[in-house]
């Protein structure tokens, strides 16, 4: 494979990665903390929503509610992080000559 072909192949892989990344950015990830608070994030980390499965949770002290929201957010963020890492690993494995982007 000559240099021109290698550049074309890498550009093709880069374009496909960008398409897959866009799909990931639009995907929703949900995490529920202690069965009480659900946070939904998109793959670009933008928050879609916070839901309380039991309105009684809101009667808890502010610190408890805050901790539940943080826990749910961190769980959803971890799911987004994992999906992003898997996407990168997929392309690193398949990159020409094993070279990462």
C-alpha atoms as a PDB file:
ATOM      1  CA  UNK A   1       0.000   0.000   0.000  1.00  0.00           C
ATOM      2  CA  UNK A   2       1.476   3.315  -1.010  1.00  0.00           C
ATOM      3  CA  UNK A   3       1.301   6.511   1.040  1.00  0.00           C
ATOM      4  CA  UNK A   4      -1.625   7.930  -0.989  1.00  0.00           C
ATOM      5  CA  UNK A   5      -3.703   4.787  -0.460  1.00  0.00           C
ATOM      6  CA  UNK A   6      -2.877   4.749   3.248  1.00  0.00           C
ATOM      7  CA  UNK A   7      -3.987   8.379   3.621  1.00  0.00           C
ATOM      8  CA  UNK A   8      -7.220   7.645   1.745  1.00  0.00           C
ATOM      9  CA  UNK A   9      -7.876   4.598   3.931  1.00  0.00           C
ATOM     10  CA  UNK A  10      -7.259   6.590   7.128  1.00  0.00           C
ATOM     11  CA  UNK A  11      -9.524   9.400   5.890  1.00  0.00           C
ATOM     12  CA  UNK A  12     -12.264   6.860   5.221  1.00  0.00           C
ATOM     13  CA  UNK A  13     -11.871   5.419   8.718  1.00  0.00           C
ATOM     14  CA  UNK A  14     -11.896   8.927  10.203  1.00  0.00           C
ATOM     15  CA  UNK A  15     -15.142   9.790   8.391  1.00  0.00           C
ATOM     16  CA  UNK A  16     -16.763   6.565   9.612  1.00  0.00           C
ATOM     17  CA  UNK A  17     -15.575   7.261  13.165  1.00  0.00           C
ATOM     18  CA  UNK A  18     -17.098  10.757  13.009  1.00  0.00           C
ATOM     19  CA  UNK A  19     -20.421   9.276  11.851  1.00  0.00           C
ATOM     20  CA  UNK A  20     -20.372   6.708  14.659  1.00  0.00           C
ATOM     21  CA  UNK A  21     -19.425   9.403  17.184  1.00  0.00           C
ATOM     22  CA  UNK A  22     -22.378  11.527  16.069  1.00  0.00           C
ATOM     23  CA  UNK A  23     -24.700   8.547  16.601  1.00  0.00           C
ATOM     24  CA  UNK A  24     -23.181   8.022  20.054  1.00  0.00           C
ATOM     25  CA  UNK A  25     -23.629  11.717  20.909  1.00  0.00           C
ATOM     26  CA  UNK A  26     -27.362  11.455  20.172  1.00  0.00           C
ATOM     27  CA  UNK A  27     -27.899   8.198  22.066  1.00  0.00           C
ATOM     28  CA  UNK A  28     -29.527   8.381  25.523  1.00  0.00           C
ATOM     29  CA  UNK A  29     -28.021   6.785  28.612  1.00  0.00           C
ATOM     30  CA  UNK A  30     -30.051   6.307  31.787  1.00  0.00           C
ATOM     31  CA  UNK A  31     -29.013   5.426  35.295  1.00  0.00           C
ATOM     32  CA  UNK A  32     -31.242   5.066  38.341  1.00  0.00           C
ATOM     33  CA  UNK A  33     -29.773   5.608  41.799  1.00  0.00           C
ATOM     34  CA  UNK A  34     -31.255   3.535  44.620  1.00  0.00           C
ATOM     35  CA  UNK A  35     -34.443   3.066  42.625  1.00  0.00           C
ATOM     36  CA  UNK A  36     -35.346   6.669  43.401  1.00  0.00           C
ATOM     37  CA  UNK A  37     -33.677   9.082  40.976  1.00  0.00           C
ATOM     38  CA  UNK A  38     -33.089   8.524  37.269  1.00  0.00           C
ATOM     39  CA  UNK A  39     -30.763  10.749  35.263  1.00  0.00           C
ATOM     40  CA  UNK A  40     -30.723  10.632  31.474  1.00  0.00           C
ATOM     41  CA  UNK A  41     -27.706  11.930  29.549  1.00  0.00           C
ATOM     42  CA  UNK A  42     -26.946  12.000  25.853  1.00  0.00           C
ATOM     43  CA  UNK A  43     -23.646  10.685  24.573  1.00  0.00           C
ATOM     44  CA  UNK A  44     -22.292  14.237  24.476  1.00  0.00           C
ATOM     45  CA  UNK A  45     -22.961  14.491  28.245  1.00  0.00           C
ATOM     46  CA  UNK A  46     -25.865  16.907  27.855  1.00  0.00           C
ATOM     47  CA  UNK A  47     -28.543  16.177  30.440  1.00  0.00           C
ATOM     48  CA  UNK A  48     -31.907  15.183  29.063  1.00  0.00           C
ATOM     49  CA  UNK A  49     -33.716  14.859  32.361  1.00  0.00           C
ATOM     50  CA  UNK A  50     -33.978  13.930  35.995  1.00  0.00           C
ATOM     51  CA  UNK A  51     -36.904  11.832  37.181  1.00  0.00           C
ATOM     52  CA  UNK A  52     -37.976  10.883  40.680  1.00  0.00           C
ATOM     53  CA  UNK A  53     -39.684   7.506  40.745  1.00  0.00           C
ATOM     54  CA  UNK A  54     -41.112   8.255  44.171  1.00  0.00           C
ATOM     55  CA  UNK A  55     -42.195  11.833  44.938  1.00  0.00           C
ATOM     56  CA  UNK A  56     -41.580  11.077  48.608  1.00  0.00           C
ATOM     57  CA  UNK A  57     -37.856  11.299  47.857  1.00  0.00           C
ATOM     58  CA  UNK A  58     -38.290  15.041  47.451  1.00  0.00           C
ATOM     59  CA  UNK A  59     -39.415  15.234  51.075  1.00  0.00           C
ATOM     60  CA  UNK A  60     -35.967  14.062  52.169  1.00  0.00           C
ATOM     61  CA  UNK A  61     -33.422  16.612  53.298  1.00  0.00           C
ATOM     62  CA  UNK A  62     -31.685  18.559  50.538  1.00  0.00           C
ATOM     63  CA  UNK A  63     -28.360  16.777  51.082  1.00  0.00           C
ATOM     64  CA  UNK A  64     -29.915  13.345  50.554  1.00  0.00           C
ATOM     65  CA  UNK A  65     -31.682  14.459  47.364  1.00  0.00           C
ATOM     66  CA  UNK A  66     -28.479  16.079  46.131  1.00  0.00           C
ATOM     67  CA  UNK A  67     -26.484  12.910  46.832  1.00  0.00           C
ATOM     68  CA  UNK A  68     -29.018  10.786  44.933  1.00  0.00           C
ATOM     69  CA  UNK A  69     -28.876  13.121  41.934  1.00  0.00           C
ATOM     70  CA  UNK A  70     -25.064  13.063  41.968  1.00  0.00           C
ATOM     71  CA  UNK A  71     -25.058   9.278  42.227  1.00  0.00           C
ATOM     72  CA  UNK A  72     -27.463   8.944  39.294  1.00  0.00           C
ATOM     73  CA  UNK A  73     -25.490  11.466  37.225  1.00  0.00           C
ATOM     74  CA  UNK A  74     -22.195   9.700  37.923  1.00  0.00           C
ATOM     75  CA  UNK A  75     -23.747   6.363  36.930  1.00  0.00           C
ATOM     76  CA  UNK A  76     -25.095   7.750  33.659  1.00  0.00           C
ATOM     77  CA  UNK A  77     -21.765   9.472  32.952  1.00  0.00           C
ATOM     78  CA  UNK A  78     -19.939   6.175  33.494  1.00  0.00           C
ATOM     79  CA  UNK A  79     -22.202   4.537  30.892  1.00  0.00           C
ATOM     80  CA  UNK A  80     -21.411   7.309  28.388  1.00  0.00           C
ATOM     81  CA  UNK A  81     -17.687   7.024  29.151  1.00  0.00           C
ATOM     82  CA  UNK A  82     -17.756   3.257  28.610  1.00  0.00           C
ATOM     83  CA  UNK A  83     -19.577   3.588  25.274  1.00  0.00           C
ATOM     84  CA  UNK A  84     -17.060   6.218  24.133  1.00  0.00           C
ATOM     85  CA  UNK A  85     -14.115   4.039  25.138  1.00  0.00           C
ATOM     86  CA  UNK A  86     -15.594   1.067  23.290  1.00  0.00           C
ATOM     87  CA  UNK A  87     -15.991   3.188  20.153  1.00  0.00           C
ATOM     88  CA  UNK A  88     -12.388   4.369  20.305  1.00  0.00           C
ATOM     89  CA  UNK A  89     -11.115   0.827  20.947  1.00  0.00           C
ATOM     90  CA  UNK A  90     -13.061  -0.422  17.924  1.00  0.00           C
ATOM     91  CA  UNK A  91     -11.293   2.037  15.651  1.00  0.00           C
ATOM     92  CA  UNK A  92      -7.878   1.620  17.235  1.00  0.00           C
ATOM     93  CA  UNK A  93      -8.030  -2.128  16.641  1.00  0.00           C
ATOM     94  CA  UNK A  94      -9.043  -1.636  13.019  1.00  0.00           C
ATOM     95  CA  UNK A  95      -6.730   1.297  12.219  1.00  0.00           C
ATOM     96  CA  UNK A  96      -4.287   0.649   9.416  1.00  0.00           C
ATOM     97  CA  UNK A  97      -1.120  -0.828  10.833  1.00  0.00           C
ATOM     98  CA  UNK A  98      -2.622  -0.695  14.324  1.00  0.00           C
ATOM     99  CA  UNK A  99      -1.936   3.044  14.592  1.00  0.00           C
ATOM    100  CA  UNK A 100      -4.373   4.997  16.780  1.00  0.00           C
ATOM    101  CA  UNK A 101      -5.901   8.271  15.571  1.00  0.00           C
END
